Amino acid sequence: LVAQLSTLARAEQSTLFMMLEASFVTLLHLYAHQKDILVGTPITLRTQTETESLIGYFLNTLVLRSRIDDDMSFRSLLQQVRETALGAFAHRDLSFSRLVAEFGSDRPVGRSPLFQAMFIMHSPDSVSLVSRVGDRRELETGTSKFDLSLIVSETAGSLEGVFEYSSDLFEPATIRRMCRHYVTLLQAIANGLD
């Protein structure tokens, strides 16, 4: 499945990140019935040679906005996600706090500004923030910064995904169902991009 998705992404002049993020947006659209979806994603800020030798995290959060029409094909959504991501990556140095100051002041207390869903992808050449265990199990961290986060790690040609969610909003059974639906969605996309 990963090989099929990667090949398909390349054929659409996209990356596996873009393919998986567009799929996540589709999943959110199907569950939330919203046409305007904002997803946050972290990105490294080590774009200047002066920061390459420094120790510590140099991360920023990008906000990726997708607008879905009723008759939109997945191919069209992927092209939109691609353009949005490329634009956001080109402006990666614009700080998230500046975006919040400009656009996110009208939010309820305790809510993340600008977006409620996060998509994180760790590739083989990135430092993983997710520790690995030999078996799959539900982890209780006690808190979730966002309503829903999908953390995907790519290793040796395979993908492992973890959903982190607000237990005030979602039941574990709902998240397990979302996991199955996400995999089914990825299989459908790999079998015939429309």
N, C-alpha and C. Protein backbone atom coordinates (compact mmCIF):
# COMPACT_ATOMS: atom_id res chain seq x y z
N LEU A 1 0.83 -1.20 0.00
CA LEU A 1 0.00 0.00 0.00
C LEU A 1 0.87 1.26 0.00
N VAL A 2 1.92 1.27 0.82
CA VAL A 2 2.80 2.44 0.89
C VAL A 2 3.47 2.67 -0.46
N ALA A 3 3.93 1.60 -1.09
CA ALA A 3 4.57 1.72 -2.40
C ALA A 3 3.58 2.26 -3.44
N GLN A 4 2.34 1.78 -3.40
CA GLN A 4 1.32 2.27 -4.34
C GLN A 4 1.05 3.75 -4.11
N LEU A 5 0.89 4.15 -2.86
CA LEU A 5 0.61 5.55 -2.54
C LEU A 5 1.79 6.45 -2.93
N SER A 6 3.01 5.98 -2.69
CA SER A 6 4.19 6.76 -3.05
C SER A 6 4.29 6.94 -4.56
N THR A 7 4.05 5.87 -5.30
CA THR A 7 4.07 5.93 -6.77
C THR A 7 3.00 6.87 -7.28
N LEU A 8 1.82 6.77 -6.73
CA LEU A 8 0.71 7.63 -7.12
C LEU A 8 1.01 9.09 -6.79
N ALA A 9 1.59 9.34 -5.64
CA ALA A 9 1.95 10.71 -5.26
C ALA A 9 2.95 11.29 -6.25
N ARG A 10 3.97 10.51 -6.60
CA ARG A 10 4.96 10.99 -7.58
C ARG A 10 4.31 11.28 -8.92
N ALA A 11 3.40 10.42 -9.35
CA ALA A 11 2.70 10.62 -10.63
C ALA A 11 1.89 11.91 -10.62
N GLU A 12 1.44 12.32 -9.44
CA GLU A 12 0.65 13.55 -9.30
C GLU A 12 1.53 14.74 -8.89
N GLN A 13 2.87 14.57 -9.02
CA GLN A 13 3.85 15.59 -8.66
C GLN A 13 3.67 16.05 -7.21
N SER A 14 3.39 15.09 -6.36
CA SER A 14 3.20 15.34 -4.94
C SER A 14 4.15 14.47 -4.14
N THR A 15 4.07 14.60 -2.84
CA THR A 15 4.87 13.77 -1.94
C THR A 15 3.93 12.84 -1.16
N LEU A 16 4.51 11.86 -0.50
CA LEU A 16 3.71 10.98 0.34
C LEU A 16 3.06 11.79 1.47
N PHE A 17 3.75 12.79 2.00
CA PHE A 17 3.16 13.67 3.01
C PHE A 17 1.88 14.30 2.47
N MET A 18 1.94 14.85 1.28
CA MET A 18 0.77 15.51 0.69
C MET A 18 -0.38 14.52 0.47
N MET A 19 -0.03 13.33 0.02
CA MET A 19 -1.04 12.28 -0.21
C MET A 19 -1.74 11.91 1.11
N LEU A 20 -0.96 11.70 2.16
CA LEU A 20 -1.53 11.30 3.44
C LEU A 20 -2.30 12.45 4.11
N GLU A 21 -1.82 13.67 3.94
CA GLU A 21 -2.52 14.82 4.52
C GLU A 21 -3.84 15.04 3.80
N ALA A 22 -3.86 14.91 2.47
CA ALA A 22 -5.11 15.03 1.70
C ALA A 22 -6.09 13.94 2.11
N SER A 23 -5.58 12.76 2.39
CA SER A 23 -6.44 11.66 2.85
C SER A 23 -7.00 11.95 4.23
N PHE A 24 -6.19 12.54 5.09
CA PHE A 24 -6.63 12.93 6.43
C PHE A 24 -7.72 14.01 6.34
N VAL A 25 -7.52 14.97 5.45
CA VAL A 25 -8.53 16.01 5.23
C VAL A 25 -9.84 15.38 4.76
N THR A 26 -9.73 14.41 3.87
CA THR A 26 -10.92 13.70 3.38
C THR A 26 -11.64 13.01 4.53
N LEU A 27 -10.88 12.35 5.39
CA LEU A 27 -11.46 11.69 6.56
C LEU A 27 -12.17 12.69 7.46
N LEU A 28 -11.53 13.83 7.72
CA LEU A 28 -12.14 14.86 8.55
C LEU A 28 -13.42 15.39 7.90
N HIS A 29 -13.39 15.57 6.60
CA HIS A 29 -14.57 16.03 5.87
C HIS A 29 -15.72 15.02 6.00
N LEU A 30 -15.40 13.76 5.87
CA LEU A 30 -16.44 12.72 5.96
C LEU A 30 -17.05 12.63 7.35
N TYR A 31 -16.24 12.84 8.37
CA TYR A 31 -16.76 12.76 9.75
C TYR A 31 -17.42 14.05 10.21
N ALA A 32 -16.82 15.20 9.85
CA ALA A 32 -17.32 16.48 10.38
C ALA A 32 -18.31 17.17 9.44
N HIS A 33 -18.38 16.71 8.20
CA HIS A 33 -19.27 17.31 7.20
C HIS A 33 -18.98 18.79 7.01
N GLN A 34 -17.72 19.17 7.11
CA GLN A 34 -17.30 20.55 6.89
C GLN A 34 -16.58 20.65 5.56
N LYS A 35 -16.73 21.79 4.91
CA LYS A 35 -16.11 22.00 3.61
C LYS A 35 -14.84 22.83 3.68
N ASP A 36 -14.62 23.48 4.81
CA ASP A 36 -13.44 24.31 5.01
C ASP A 36 -12.67 23.73 6.20
N ILE A 37 -11.54 23.11 5.91
CA ILE A 37 -10.82 22.36 6.95
C ILE A 37 -9.41 22.91 7.09
N LEU A 38 -9.05 23.24 8.34
CA LEU A 38 -7.72 23.73 8.66
C LEU A 38 -6.99 22.66 9.47
N VAL A 39 -5.80 22.32 9.01
CA VAL A 39 -4.98 21.31 9.68
C VAL A 39 -3.62 21.92 9.96
N GLY A 40 -3.13 21.74 11.17
CA GLY A 40 -1.79 22.20 11.52
C GLY A 40 -0.78 21.11 11.27
N THR A 41 0.45 21.52 10.97
CA THR A 41 1.54 20.56 10.81
C THR A 41 2.84 21.23 11.23
N PRO A 42 3.68 20.53 11.98
CA PRO A 42 4.97 21.12 12.39
C PRO A 42 5.98 21.03 11.25
N ILE A 43 6.87 22.00 11.24
CA ILE A 43 7.93 22.00 10.22
C ILE A 43 9.21 22.54 10.86
N THR A 44 10.32 22.00 10.44
CA THR A 44 11.60 22.44 10.98
C THR A 44 11.96 23.82 10.42
N LEU A 45 12.64 24.60 11.24
CA LEU A 45 13.08 25.93 10.82
C LEU A 45 14.59 25.97 10.57
N ARG A 46 15.18 24.83 10.38
CA ARG A 46 16.63 24.81 10.15
C ARG A 46 16.92 25.06 8.67
N THR A 47 16.51 26.21 8.19
CA THR A 47 16.72 26.56 6.79
C THR A 47 17.93 27.46 6.61
N GLN A 48 18.49 27.96 7.69
CA GLN A 48 19.65 28.85 7.60
C GLN A 48 20.88 28.12 8.13
N THR A 49 21.99 28.33 7.48
CA THR A 49 23.23 27.63 7.87
C THR A 49 23.65 27.98 9.29
N GLU A 50 23.27 29.17 9.79
CA GLU A 50 23.64 29.56 11.15
C GLU A 50 23.02 28.66 12.21
N THR A 51 21.88 28.03 11.93
CA THR A 51 21.19 27.21 12.94
C THR A 51 21.53 25.73 12.84
N GLU A 52 22.24 25.32 11.80
CA GLU A 52 22.51 23.89 11.60
C GLU A 52 23.29 23.25 12.74
N SER A 53 24.21 23.97 13.35
CA SER A 53 25.04 23.38 14.41
C SER A 53 24.47 23.61 15.81
N LEU A 54 23.38 24.33 15.93
CA LEU A 54 22.80 24.60 17.24
C LEU A 54 21.98 23.42 17.74
N ILE A 55 21.94 23.25 19.05
CA ILE A 55 21.18 22.18 19.67
C ILE A 55 19.81 22.73 20.05
N GLY A 56 18.80 21.91 19.85
CA GLY A 56 17.45 22.30 20.25
C GLY A 56 16.47 22.22 19.09
N TYR A 57 15.21 22.38 19.43
CA TYR A 57 14.16 22.33 18.42
C TYR A 57 14.00 23.68 17.76
N PHE A 58 13.93 23.67 16.48
CA PHE A 58 13.62 24.85 15.69
C PHE A 58 12.40 24.50 14.85
N LEU A 59 11.25 24.52 15.50
CA LEU A 59 10.01 24.13 14.84
C LEU A 59 9.06 25.31 14.72
N ASN A 60 8.26 25.25 13.70
CA ASN A 60 7.17 26.19 13.52
C ASN A 60 5.95 25.36 13.17
N THR A 61 4.78 25.91 13.33
CA THR A 61 3.56 25.23 12.95
C THR A 61 2.96 25.93 11.75
N LEU A 62 2.70 25.16 10.71
CA LEU A 62 2.05 25.68 9.52
C LEU A 62 0.57 25.34 9.59
N VAL A 63 -0.25 26.19 9.03
CA VAL A 63 -1.69 25.93 8.94
C VAL A 63 -2.01 25.68 7.48
N LEU A 64 -2.52 24.48 7.19
CA LEU A 64 -2.87 24.10 5.82
C LEU A 64 -4.39 24.09 5.69
N ARG A 65 -4.89 24.92 4.80
CA ARG A 65 -6.34 25.06 4.63
C ARG A 65 -6.78 24.35 3.36
N SER A 66 -7.83 23.54 3.49
CA SER A 66 -8.42 22.84 2.35
C SER A 66 -9.89 23.20 2.26
N ARG A 67 -10.33 23.44 1.04
CA ARG A 67 -11.75 23.71 0.79
C ARG A 67 -12.26 22.62 -0.13
N ILE A 68 -13.28 21.92 0.34
CA ILE A 68 -13.80 20.76 -0.38
C ILE A 68 -15.18 21.08 -0.94
N ASP A 69 -15.35 20.85 -2.23
CA ASP A 69 -16.65 20.98 -2.88
C ASP A 69 -17.32 19.62 -2.94
N ASP A 70 -18.63 19.61 -3.04
CA ASP A 70 -19.38 18.35 -3.06
C ASP A 70 -18.96 17.45 -4.22
N ASP A 71 -18.67 18.03 -5.38
CA ASP A 71 -18.34 17.22 -6.55
C ASP A 71 -16.83 17.14 -6.81
N MET A 72 -16.02 17.47 -5.81
CA MET A 72 -14.57 17.48 -5.97
C MET A 72 -14.01 16.06 -5.97
N SER A 73 -13.11 15.79 -6.89
CA SER A 73 -12.44 14.50 -6.92
C SER A 73 -11.27 14.53 -5.94
N PHE A 74 -10.79 13.35 -5.56
CA PHE A 74 -9.63 13.30 -4.68
C PHE A 74 -8.41 13.88 -5.39
N ARG A 75 -8.30 13.64 -6.68
CA ARG A 75 -7.18 14.19 -7.46
C ARG A 75 -7.16 15.72 -7.35
N SER A 76 -8.32 16.35 -7.45
CA SER A 76 -8.40 17.81 -7.33
C SER A 76 -8.02 18.26 -5.92
N LEU A 77 -8.49 17.53 -4.92
CA LEU A 77 -8.12 17.86 -3.54
C LEU A 77 -6.62 17.71 -3.35
N LEU A 78 -6.02 16.66 -3.88
CA LEU A 78 -4.58 16.45 -3.75
C LEU A 78 -3.82 17.60 -4.41
N GLN A 79 -4.28 18.05 -5.57
CA GLN A 79 -3.62 19.19 -6.24
C GLN A 79 -3.74 20.45 -5.38
N GLN A 80 -4.91 20.66 -4.76
CA GLN A 80 -5.09 21.81 -3.88
C GLN A 80 -4.18 21.71 -2.67
N VAL A 81 -4.12 20.53 -2.05
CA VAL A 81 -3.25 20.32 -0.88
C VAL A 81 -1.80 20.55 -1.27
N ARG A 82 -1.41 20.09 -2.45
CA ARG A 82 -0.04 20.28 -2.94
C ARG A 82 0.29 21.76 -3.03
N GLU A 83 -0.57 22.53 -3.68
CA GLU A 83 -0.33 23.97 -3.85
C GLU A 83 -0.30 24.69 -2.49
N THR A 84 -1.22 24.32 -1.61
CA THR A 84 -1.28 24.92 -0.29
C THR A 84 0.00 24.61 0.50
N ALA A 85 0.41 23.35 0.47
CA ALA A 85 1.62 22.94 1.20
C ALA A 85 2.86 23.63 0.65
N LEU A 86 2.99 23.69 -0.66
CA LEU A 86 4.16 24.36 -1.25
C LEU A 86 4.19 25.84 -0.87
N GLY A 87 3.03 26.48 -0.88
CA GLY A 87 2.96 27.88 -0.46
C GLY A 87 3.33 28.05 1.01
N ALA A 88 2.82 27.16 1.85
CA ALA A 88 3.13 27.22 3.28
C ALA A 88 4.61 26.95 3.54
N PHE A 89 5.17 25.95 2.84
CA PHE A 89 6.59 25.63 3.02
C PHE A 89 7.46 26.82 2.60
N ALA A 90 7.05 27.54 1.55
CA ALA A 90 7.82 28.69 1.08
C ALA A 90 7.82 29.82 2.11
N HIS A 91 6.80 29.83 2.97
CA HIS A 91 6.70 30.88 4.00
C HIS A 91 6.86 30.29 5.41
N ARG A 92 7.64 29.26 5.53
CA ARG A 92 7.80 28.54 6.80
C ARG A 92 8.36 29.40 7.91
N ASP A 93 9.04 30.48 7.57
CA ASP A 93 9.64 31.33 8.59
C ASP A 93 8.65 32.29 9.24
N LEU A 94 7.46 32.42 8.68
CA LEU A 94 6.42 33.25 9.30
C LEU A 94 5.94 32.53 10.55
N SER A 95 6.15 33.13 11.70
CA SER A 95 5.90 32.42 12.96
C SER A 95 4.39 32.19 13.19
N PHE A 96 4.11 31.06 13.80
CA PHE A 96 2.73 30.71 14.13
C PHE A 96 2.14 31.75 15.09
N SER A 97 2.94 32.23 16.03
CA SER A 97 2.44 33.23 16.98
C SER A 97 2.03 34.51 16.27
N ARG A 98 2.70 34.85 15.19
CA ARG A 98 2.30 36.02 14.40
C ARG A 98 0.97 35.78 13.70
N LEU A 99 0.78 34.58 13.17
CA LEU A 99 -0.51 34.22 12.55
C LEU A 99 -1.63 34.29 13.57
N VAL A 100 -1.37 33.77 14.77
CA VAL A 100 -2.39 33.79 15.83
C VAL A 100 -2.73 35.23 16.19
N ALA A 101 -1.73 36.08 16.31
CA ALA A 101 -1.97 37.48 16.65
C ALA A 101 -2.82 38.16 15.58
N GLU A 102 -2.61 37.75 14.33
CA GLU A 102 -3.33 38.36 13.21
C GLU A 102 -4.74 37.81 13.04
N PHE A 103 -4.90 36.47 13.18
CA PHE A 103 -6.17 35.83 12.82
C PHE A 103 -6.87 35.05 13.92
N GLY A 104 -6.18 34.76 15.02
CA GLY A 104 -6.74 33.81 15.97
C GLY A 104 -7.16 34.36 17.31
N SER A 105 -7.47 35.64 17.40
CA SER A 105 -7.77 36.22 18.70
C SER A 105 -9.17 35.88 19.21
N ASP A 106 -10.10 35.55 18.34
CA ASP A 106 -11.48 35.24 18.76
C ASP A 106 -11.67 33.74 18.92
N ARG A 107 -11.10 33.19 19.98
CA ARG A 107 -11.25 31.75 20.20
C ARG A 107 -11.64 31.51 21.64
N PRO A 108 -12.40 30.45 21.87
CA PRO A 108 -12.75 30.10 23.25
C PRO A 108 -11.51 29.73 24.05
N VAL A 109 -11.55 30.00 25.33
CA VAL A 109 -10.44 29.65 26.22
C VAL A 109 -10.26 28.13 26.21
N GLY A 110 -9.03 27.71 26.16
CA GLY A 110 -8.73 26.28 26.16
C GLY A 110 -8.75 25.63 24.79
N ARG A 111 -9.01 26.40 23.76
CA ARG A 111 -9.02 25.87 22.39
C ARG A 111 -7.78 26.33 21.66
N SER A 112 -7.25 25.47 20.83
CA SER A 112 -6.10 25.84 20.01
C SER A 112 -6.53 26.88 18.98
N PRO A 113 -5.72 27.88 18.74
CA PRO A 113 -6.09 28.87 17.73
C PRO A 113 -5.94 28.34 16.31
N LEU A 114 -6.78 28.75 15.44
CA LEU A 114 -6.72 28.53 13.99
C LEU A 114 -7.09 27.11 13.53
N PHE A 115 -6.73 26.08 14.25
CA PHE A 115 -7.06 24.72 13.81
C PHE A 115 -7.26 23.82 15.02
N GLN A 116 -8.00 22.74 14.80
CA GLN A 116 -8.27 21.77 15.87
C GLN A 116 -7.75 20.37 15.53
N ALA A 117 -7.17 20.22 14.34
CA ALA A 117 -6.63 18.92 13.92
C ALA A 117 -5.18 19.12 13.50
N MET A 118 -4.33 18.16 13.88
CA MET A 118 -2.91 18.23 13.58
C MET A 118 -2.51 17.00 12.79
N PHE A 119 -1.66 17.18 11.76
CA PHE A 119 -1.11 16.06 11.00
C PHE A 119 0.40 16.15 11.09
N ILE A 120 1.01 15.07 11.57
CA ILE A 120 2.47 15.03 11.75
C ILE A 120 2.99 13.81 11.01
N MET A 121 4.03 14.02 10.21
CA MET A 121 4.64 12.88 9.53
C MET A 121 6.13 12.89 9.78
N HIS A 122 6.62 11.76 10.29
CA HIS A 122 8.04 11.56 10.51
C HIS A 122 8.55 10.68 9.38
N SER A 123 9.52 11.19 8.65
CA SER A 123 10.11 10.40 7.57
C SER A 123 11.40 9.75 8.07
N PRO A 124 11.95 8.81 7.30
CA PRO A 124 13.16 8.11 7.76
C PRO A 124 14.33 9.06 8.06
N ASP A 125 14.39 10.21 7.37
CA ASP A 125 15.50 11.12 7.58
C ASP A 125 15.23 12.18 8.64
N SER A 126 14.09 12.07 9.34
CA SER A 126 13.79 13.03 10.40
C SER A 126 13.96 12.37 11.76
N VAL A 127 14.14 13.17 12.77
CA VAL A 127 14.23 12.66 14.13
C VAL A 127 12.81 12.37 14.61
N SER A 128 12.56 11.16 15.03
CA SER A 128 11.22 10.80 15.47
C SER A 128 10.96 11.27 16.88
N LEU A 129 9.82 11.90 17.07
CA LEU A 129 9.39 12.31 18.40
C LEU A 129 8.53 11.24 19.05
N VAL A 130 8.25 10.18 18.30
CA VAL A 130 7.40 9.11 18.80
C VAL A 130 8.29 7.94 19.16
N SER A 131 8.24 7.51 20.42
CA SER A 131 9.02 6.35 20.79
C SER A 131 8.29 5.10 20.33
N ARG A 132 9.04 4.09 20.02
CA ARG A 132 8.44 2.87 19.49
C ARG A 132 8.38 1.79 20.57
N VAL A 133 7.31 1.04 20.52
CA VAL A 133 7.19 -0.14 21.36
C VAL A 133 6.91 -1.31 20.43
N GLY A 134 7.22 -2.51 20.89
CA GLY A 134 7.08 -3.69 20.05
C GLY A 134 5.64 -4.03 19.71
N ASP A 135 4.72 -3.68 20.54
CA ASP A 135 3.33 -4.01 20.27
C ASP A 135 2.49 -2.73 20.21
N ARG A 136 1.32 -2.86 19.60
CA ARG A 136 0.42 -1.72 19.52
C ARG A 136 -0.48 -1.73 20.74
N ARG A 137 -0.63 -0.56 21.32
CA ARG A 137 -1.53 -0.45 22.45
C ARG A 137 -1.98 1.00 22.58
N GLU A 138 -3.07 1.16 23.28
CA GLU A 138 -3.56 2.50 23.52
C GLU A 138 -2.72 3.13 24.62
N LEU A 139 -2.28 4.36 24.37
CA LEU A 139 -1.46 5.08 25.34
C LEU A 139 -2.28 6.22 25.92
N GLU A 140 -2.25 6.34 27.21
CA GLU A 140 -2.98 7.41 27.90
C GLU A 140 -1.96 8.46 28.30
N THR A 141 -2.00 9.62 27.65
CA THR A 141 -1.07 10.69 27.99
C THR A 141 -1.68 11.69 28.96
N GLY A 142 -2.99 11.63 29.13
CA GLY A 142 -3.65 12.52 30.07
C GLY A 142 -4.10 13.83 29.45
N THR A 143 -3.57 14.14 28.28
CA THR A 143 -3.96 15.40 27.64
C THR A 143 -3.75 15.31 26.13
N SER A 144 -4.53 16.07 25.43
CA SER A 144 -4.38 16.19 24.00
C SER A 144 -4.44 17.68 23.67
N LYS A 145 -3.45 18.18 22.95
CA LYS A 145 -3.41 19.60 22.63
C LYS A 145 -4.50 20.00 21.63
N PHE A 146 -4.94 19.03 20.83
CA PHE A 146 -5.89 19.31 19.77
C PHE A 146 -7.06 18.33 19.85
N ASP A 147 -8.13 18.63 19.14
CA ASP A 147 -9.25 17.70 19.11
C ASP A 147 -8.82 16.35 18.58
N LEU A 148 -8.00 16.39 17.52
CA LEU A 148 -7.56 15.15 16.88
C LEU A 148 -6.21 15.38 16.22
N SER A 149 -5.29 14.47 16.43
CA SER A 149 -3.99 14.50 15.76
C SER A 149 -3.72 13.13 15.16
N LEU A 150 -3.14 13.15 13.97
CA LEU A 150 -2.66 11.92 13.35
C LEU A 150 -1.16 12.05 13.20
N ILE A 151 -0.44 11.12 13.82
CA ILE A 151 1.02 11.09 13.76
C ILE A 151 1.41 9.85 12.97
N VAL A 152 2.07 10.07 11.84
CA VAL A 152 2.46 8.98 10.95
C VAL A 152 3.98 8.89 10.93
N SER A 153 4.50 7.70 11.12
CA SER A 153 5.94 7.46 11.03
C SER A 153 6.22 6.53 9.88
N GLU A 154 7.18 6.91 9.06
CA GLU A 154 7.57 6.10 7.91
C GLU A 154 8.91 5.45 8.20
N THR A 155 8.95 4.13 8.14
CA THR A 155 10.21 3.40 8.35
C THR A 155 10.24 2.19 7.44
N ALA A 156 11.34 2.03 6.77
CA ALA A 156 11.60 0.84 5.96
C ALA A 156 10.42 0.47 5.05
N GLY A 157 9.87 1.46 4.37
CA GLY A 157 8.80 1.19 3.42
C GLY A 157 7.44 0.90 4.05
N SER A 158 7.29 1.16 5.33
CA SER A 158 5.98 0.95 5.95
C SER A 158 5.59 2.21 6.72
N LEU A 159 4.33 2.29 7.04
CA LEU A 159 3.80 3.43 7.79
C LEU A 159 3.15 2.93 9.05
N GLU A 160 3.32 3.70 10.11
CA GLU A 160 2.63 3.42 11.36
C GLU A 160 1.94 4.71 11.78
N GLY A 161 0.66 4.62 12.05
CA GLY A 161 -0.09 5.81 12.43
C GLY A 161 -0.62 5.71 13.84
N VAL A 162 -0.67 6.85 14.52
CA VAL A 162 -1.20 6.95 15.87
C VAL A 162 -2.17 8.13 15.90
N PHE A 163 -3.38 7.88 16.39
CA PHE A 163 -4.32 8.97 16.60
C PHE A 163 -4.26 9.40 18.06
N GLU A 164 -4.10 10.69 18.28
CA GLU A 164 -4.22 11.26 19.61
C GLU A 164 -5.49 12.11 19.56
N TYR A 165 -6.31 12.02 20.61
CA TYR A 165 -7.61 12.68 20.54
C TYR A 165 -8.07 13.16 21.90
N SER A 166 -9.00 14.09 21.86
CA SER A 166 -9.61 14.59 23.08
C SER A 166 -10.68 13.59 23.52
N SER A 167 -10.51 13.05 24.70
CA SER A 167 -11.49 12.08 25.20
C SER A 167 -12.80 12.76 25.62
N ASP A 168 -12.80 14.08 25.68
CA ASP A 168 -14.06 14.80 25.92
C ASP A 168 -14.93 14.82 24.68
N LEU A 169 -14.30 14.63 23.51
CA LEU A 169 -15.02 14.70 22.23
C LEU A 169 -15.24 13.34 21.58
N PHE A 170 -14.30 12.40 21.80
CA PHE A 170 -14.35 11.12 21.09
C PHE A 170 -14.30 9.95 22.07
N GLU A 171 -15.03 8.92 21.73
CA GLU A 171 -14.94 7.65 22.44
C GLU A 171 -13.85 6.81 21.79
N PRO A 172 -13.19 5.94 22.52
CA PRO A 172 -12.17 5.07 21.92
C PRO A 172 -12.71 4.26 20.73
N ALA A 173 -13.95 3.81 20.81
CA ALA A 173 -14.53 3.03 19.70
C ALA A 173 -14.64 3.88 18.44
N THR A 174 -14.92 5.16 18.60
CA THR A 174 -15.01 6.06 17.44
C THR A 174 -13.64 6.21 16.78
N ILE A 175 -12.61 6.34 17.59
CA ILE A 175 -11.26 6.50 17.05
C ILE A 175 -10.81 5.21 16.37
N ARG A 176 -11.12 4.06 16.96
CA ARG A 176 -10.78 2.79 16.29
C ARG A 176 -11.47 2.70 14.94
N ARG A 177 -12.72 3.14 14.87
CA ARG A 177 -13.46 3.14 13.61
C ARG A 177 -12.82 4.11 12.61
N MET A 178 -12.40 5.27 13.10
CA MET A 178 -11.71 6.23 12.24
C MET A 178 -10.42 5.63 11.67
N CYS A 179 -9.69 4.91 12.50
CA CYS A 179 -8.45 4.25 12.04
C CYS A 179 -8.76 3.30 10.89
N ARG A 180 -9.77 2.48 11.08
CA ARG A 180 -10.14 1.53 10.02
C ARG A 180 -10.59 2.27 8.76
N HIS A 181 -11.36 3.33 8.93
CA HIS A 181 -11.83 4.11 7.78
C HIS A 181 -10.67 4.79 7.05
N TYR A 182 -9.69 5.24 7.80
CA TYR A 182 -8.53 5.88 7.18
C TYR A 182 -7.76 4.89 6.32
N VAL A 183 -7.54 3.69 6.84
CA VAL A 183 -6.84 2.66 6.07
C VAL A 183 -7.66 2.27 4.83
N THR A 184 -8.97 2.12 5.00
CA THR A 184 -9.84 1.80 3.88
C THR A 184 -9.79 2.90 2.82
N LEU A 185 -9.78 4.13 3.26
CA LEU A 185 -9.69 5.28 2.36
C LEU A 185 -8.37 5.25 1.59
N LEU A 186 -7.27 4.98 2.28
CA LEU A 186 -5.97 4.90 1.61
C LEU A 186 -5.95 3.77 0.59
N GLN A 187 -6.55 2.63 0.93
CA GLN A 187 -6.60 1.51 -0.03
C GLN A 187 -7.42 1.88 -1.25
N ALA A 188 -8.55 2.58 -1.05
CA ALA A 188 -9.38 2.99 -2.18
C ALA A 188 -8.64 3.97 -3.08
N ILE A 189 -7.90 4.90 -2.48
CA ILE A 189 -7.13 5.86 -3.24
C ILE A 189 -6.05 5.14 -4.04
N ALA A 190 -5.36 4.21 -3.42
CA ALA A 190 -4.30 3.46 -4.11
C ALA A 190 -4.84 2.62 -5.26
N ASN A 191 -6.07 2.15 -5.12
CA ASN A 191 -6.66 1.30 -6.16
C ASN A 191 -7.25 2.06 -7.32
N GLY A 192 -7.40 3.35 -7.19
CA GLY A 192 -7.92 4.13 -8.30
C GLY A 192 -8.18 5.56 -7.91
N LEU A 193 -7.22 6.42 -8.18
CA LEU A 193 -7.33 7.83 -7.82
C LEU A 193 -8.38 8.50 -8.68
N ASP A 194 -9.40 9.07 -8.03
CA ASP A 194 -10.43 9.84 -8.74
C ASP A 194 -10.62 11.18 -8.10
